[in-house]
Amino acid sequence: MNHRVKMRLSGTESDLKAYLYLLRAMDRKGLIEILEESEPYKNRGDSKIYRVYLEVNLNMEMED
């Protein structure tokens, strides 16, 4: 069974780069499937925080 979620990652450019690297590695290994990934959006004002939106399937069975 797939477990589809919509995710919002928020952090500095380097934080997002690290987490997206991890998620893409999980996608390559078949643990998840990244269905959609937005470009980074900068927060308003002079913030150094960006956000990325993803839609992801978790491709594993979970035990109760």
N, C-alpha and C. Protein backbone atom coordinates (compact mmCIF):
# COMPACT_ATOMS: atom_id res chain seq x y z
N MET A 1 0.84 -1.18 0.00
CA MET A 1 0.00 0.00 0.00
C MET A 1 0.88 1.24 0.00
N ASN A 2 0.54 2.19 -0.81
CA ASN A 2 1.26 3.46 -0.84
C ASN A 2 0.59 4.45 0.10
N HIS A 3 1.40 5.25 0.73
CA HIS A 3 0.93 6.29 1.65
C HIS A 3 1.36 7.64 1.09
N ARG A 4 0.46 8.31 0.40
CA ARG A 4 0.77 9.58 -0.27
C ARG A 4 0.59 10.74 0.70
N VAL A 5 1.59 11.62 0.73
CA VAL A 5 1.52 12.82 1.56
C VAL A 5 2.01 14.02 0.76
N LYS A 6 1.57 15.18 1.18
CA LYS A 6 2.11 16.43 0.67
C LYS A 6 2.99 16.99 1.77
N MET A 7 4.20 17.40 1.38
CA MET A 7 5.18 17.87 2.35
C MET A 7 5.60 19.29 2.01
N ARG A 8 5.88 20.05 3.05
CA ARG A 8 6.48 21.37 2.88
C ARG A 8 7.76 21.38 3.70
N LEU A 9 8.89 21.56 3.02
CA LEU A 9 10.17 21.70 3.70
C LEU A 9 10.49 23.17 3.78
N SER A 10 10.98 23.60 4.93
CA SER A 10 11.31 24.99 5.13
C SER A 10 12.66 25.09 5.81
N GLY A 11 13.56 25.89 5.25
CA GLY A 11 14.89 26.05 5.84
C GLY A 11 15.79 26.88 4.95
N THR A 12 17.04 26.98 5.35
CA THR A 12 18.00 27.71 4.53
C THR A 12 18.25 26.92 3.25
N GLU A 13 18.90 27.55 2.29
CA GLU A 13 19.20 26.85 1.04
C GLU A 13 20.03 25.59 1.30
N SER A 14 21.02 25.68 2.20
CA SER A 14 21.85 24.50 2.47
C SER A 14 21.06 23.42 3.20
N ASP A 15 20.15 23.81 4.10
CA ASP A 15 19.29 22.83 4.78
C ASP A 15 18.43 22.09 3.77
N LEU A 16 17.80 22.84 2.87
CA LEU A 16 16.94 22.21 1.86
C LEU A 16 17.74 21.31 0.94
N LYS A 17 18.93 21.74 0.58
CA LYS A 17 19.78 20.92 -0.29
C LYS A 17 20.07 19.58 0.37
N ALA A 18 20.37 19.59 1.67
CA ALA A 18 20.68 18.35 2.40
C ALA A 18 19.46 17.43 2.48
N TYR A 19 18.30 17.98 2.82
CA TYR A 19 17.11 17.14 2.95
C TYR A 19 16.64 16.63 1.60
N LEU A 20 16.73 17.45 0.55
CA LEU A 20 16.35 16.98 -0.78
C LEU A 20 17.29 15.90 -1.27
N TYR A 21 18.57 15.99 -0.93
CA TYR A 21 19.52 14.94 -1.27
C TYR A 21 19.09 13.62 -0.62
N LEU A 22 18.73 13.68 0.66
CA LEU A 22 18.28 12.49 1.38
C LEU A 22 17.00 11.91 0.76
N LEU A 23 16.03 12.76 0.49
CA LEU A 23 14.77 12.29 -0.09
C LEU A 23 14.98 11.69 -1.48
N ARG A 24 15.84 12.30 -2.28
CA ARG A 24 16.12 11.76 -3.62
C ARG A 24 16.84 10.41 -3.53
N ALA A 25 17.72 10.26 -2.54
CA ALA A 25 18.40 8.97 -2.33
C ALA A 25 17.37 7.91 -1.95
N MET A 26 16.41 8.26 -1.09
CA MET A 26 15.34 7.33 -0.72
C MET A 26 14.49 6.97 -1.94
N ASP A 27 14.27 7.95 -2.82
CA ASP A 27 13.53 7.70 -4.06
C ASP A 27 14.28 6.71 -4.95
N ARG A 28 15.59 6.89 -5.10
CA ARG A 28 16.39 5.98 -5.93
C ARG A 28 16.38 4.57 -5.37
N LYS A 29 16.31 4.42 -4.06
CA LYS A 29 16.30 3.09 -3.43
C LYS A 29 14.90 2.47 -3.40
N GLY A 30 13.89 3.22 -3.85
CA GLY A 30 12.53 2.69 -3.91
C GLY A 30 11.76 2.77 -2.60
N LEU A 31 12.32 3.44 -1.60
CA LEU A 31 11.61 3.58 -0.32
C LEU A 31 10.46 4.57 -0.43
N ILE A 32 10.68 5.61 -1.22
CA ILE A 32 9.64 6.59 -1.49
C ILE A 32 9.62 6.85 -2.98
N GLU A 33 8.57 7.52 -3.44
CA GLU A 33 8.49 7.98 -4.81
C GLU A 33 8.11 9.45 -4.78
N ILE A 34 9.00 10.30 -5.27
CA ILE A 34 8.70 11.72 -5.34
C ILE A 34 7.87 11.96 -6.59
N LEU A 35 6.62 12.35 -6.38
CA LEU A 35 5.69 12.56 -7.49
C LEU A 35 5.76 13.99 -8.02
N GLU A 36 5.93 14.94 -7.11
CA GLU A 36 6.03 16.35 -7.49
C GLU A 36 7.04 17.02 -6.58
N GLU A 37 7.78 17.97 -7.14
CA GLU A 37 8.74 18.75 -6.36
C GLU A 37 8.78 20.16 -6.93
N SER A 38 8.51 21.15 -6.10
CA SER A 38 8.52 22.53 -6.57
C SER A 38 9.94 23.08 -6.56
N GLU A 39 10.09 24.19 -7.20
CA GLU A 39 11.33 24.97 -7.10
C GLU A 39 11.34 25.61 -5.70
N PRO A 40 12.50 25.98 -5.19
CA PRO A 40 12.53 26.67 -3.90
C PRO A 40 11.90 28.06 -4.01
N TYR A 41 11.06 28.39 -3.04
CA TYR A 41 10.44 29.71 -2.95
C TYR A 41 11.06 30.43 -1.76
N LYS A 42 11.51 31.65 -1.97
CA LYS A 42 12.07 32.44 -0.88
C LYS A 42 10.94 33.02 -0.05
N ASN A 43 11.08 32.98 1.27
CA ASN A 43 10.10 33.61 2.14
C ASN A 43 10.13 35.13 1.94
N ARG A 44 9.10 35.77 2.39
CA ARG A 44 8.95 37.21 2.17
C ARG A 44 10.00 38.02 2.94
N GLY A 45 10.20 39.22 2.46
CA GLY A 45 11.12 40.13 3.13
C GLY A 45 12.56 39.74 2.90
N ASP A 46 13.38 40.03 3.89
CA ASP A 46 14.81 39.73 3.75
C ASP A 46 15.17 38.41 4.41
N SER A 47 14.21 37.52 4.53
CA SER A 47 14.42 36.21 5.15
C SER A 47 15.43 35.39 4.34
N LYS A 48 16.21 34.59 5.04
CA LYS A 48 17.13 33.66 4.39
C LYS A 48 16.53 32.25 4.30
N ILE A 49 15.23 32.16 4.61
CA ILE A 49 14.52 30.88 4.62
C ILE A 49 13.78 30.69 3.30
N TYR A 50 13.87 29.47 2.79
CA TYR A 50 13.18 29.07 1.57
C TYR A 50 12.25 27.92 1.89
N ARG A 51 11.34 27.63 0.97
CA ARG A 51 10.46 26.47 1.15
C ARG A 51 10.33 25.72 -0.16
N VAL A 52 10.12 24.41 -0.03
CA VAL A 52 9.93 23.52 -1.18
C VAL A 52 8.72 22.65 -0.86
N TYR A 53 7.86 22.46 -1.85
CA TYR A 53 6.68 21.63 -1.69
C TYR A 53 6.88 20.33 -2.47
N LEU A 54 6.50 19.22 -1.84
CA LEU A 54 6.65 17.90 -2.46
C LEU A 54 5.38 17.10 -2.27
N GLU A 55 5.15 16.19 -3.20
CA GLU A 55 4.14 15.15 -3.03
C GLU A 55 4.89 13.84 -3.13
N VAL A 56 4.73 12.99 -2.11
CA VAL A 56 5.56 11.80 -1.97
C VAL A 56 4.71 10.60 -1.60
N ASN A 57 5.04 9.44 -2.20
CA ASN A 57 4.47 8.15 -1.79
C ASN A 57 5.49 7.44 -0.92
N LEU A 58 5.04 6.89 0.19
CA LEU A 58 5.87 6.02 1.02
C LEU A 58 5.61 4.61 0.54
N ASN A 59 6.63 3.94 -0.03
CA ASN A 59 6.46 2.64 -0.67
C ASN A 59 6.85 1.50 0.25
N MET A 60 6.20 1.38 1.37
CA MET A 60 6.53 0.28 2.28
C MET A 60 5.32 -0.07 3.12
N GLU A 61 5.27 -1.30 3.53
CA GLU A 61 4.22 -1.74 4.42
C GLU A 61 4.63 -1.44 5.85
N MET A 62 3.69 -0.99 6.63
CA MET A 62 3.97 -0.68 8.03
C MET A 62 3.32 -1.73 8.91
N GLU A 63 4.04 -2.14 9.93
CA GLU A 63 3.49 -3.09 10.89
C GLU A 63 2.71 -2.35 11.95
N ASP A 64 1.62 -2.95 12.42
CA ASP A 64 0.82 -2.34 13.48
C ASP A 64 1.46 -2.50 14.83
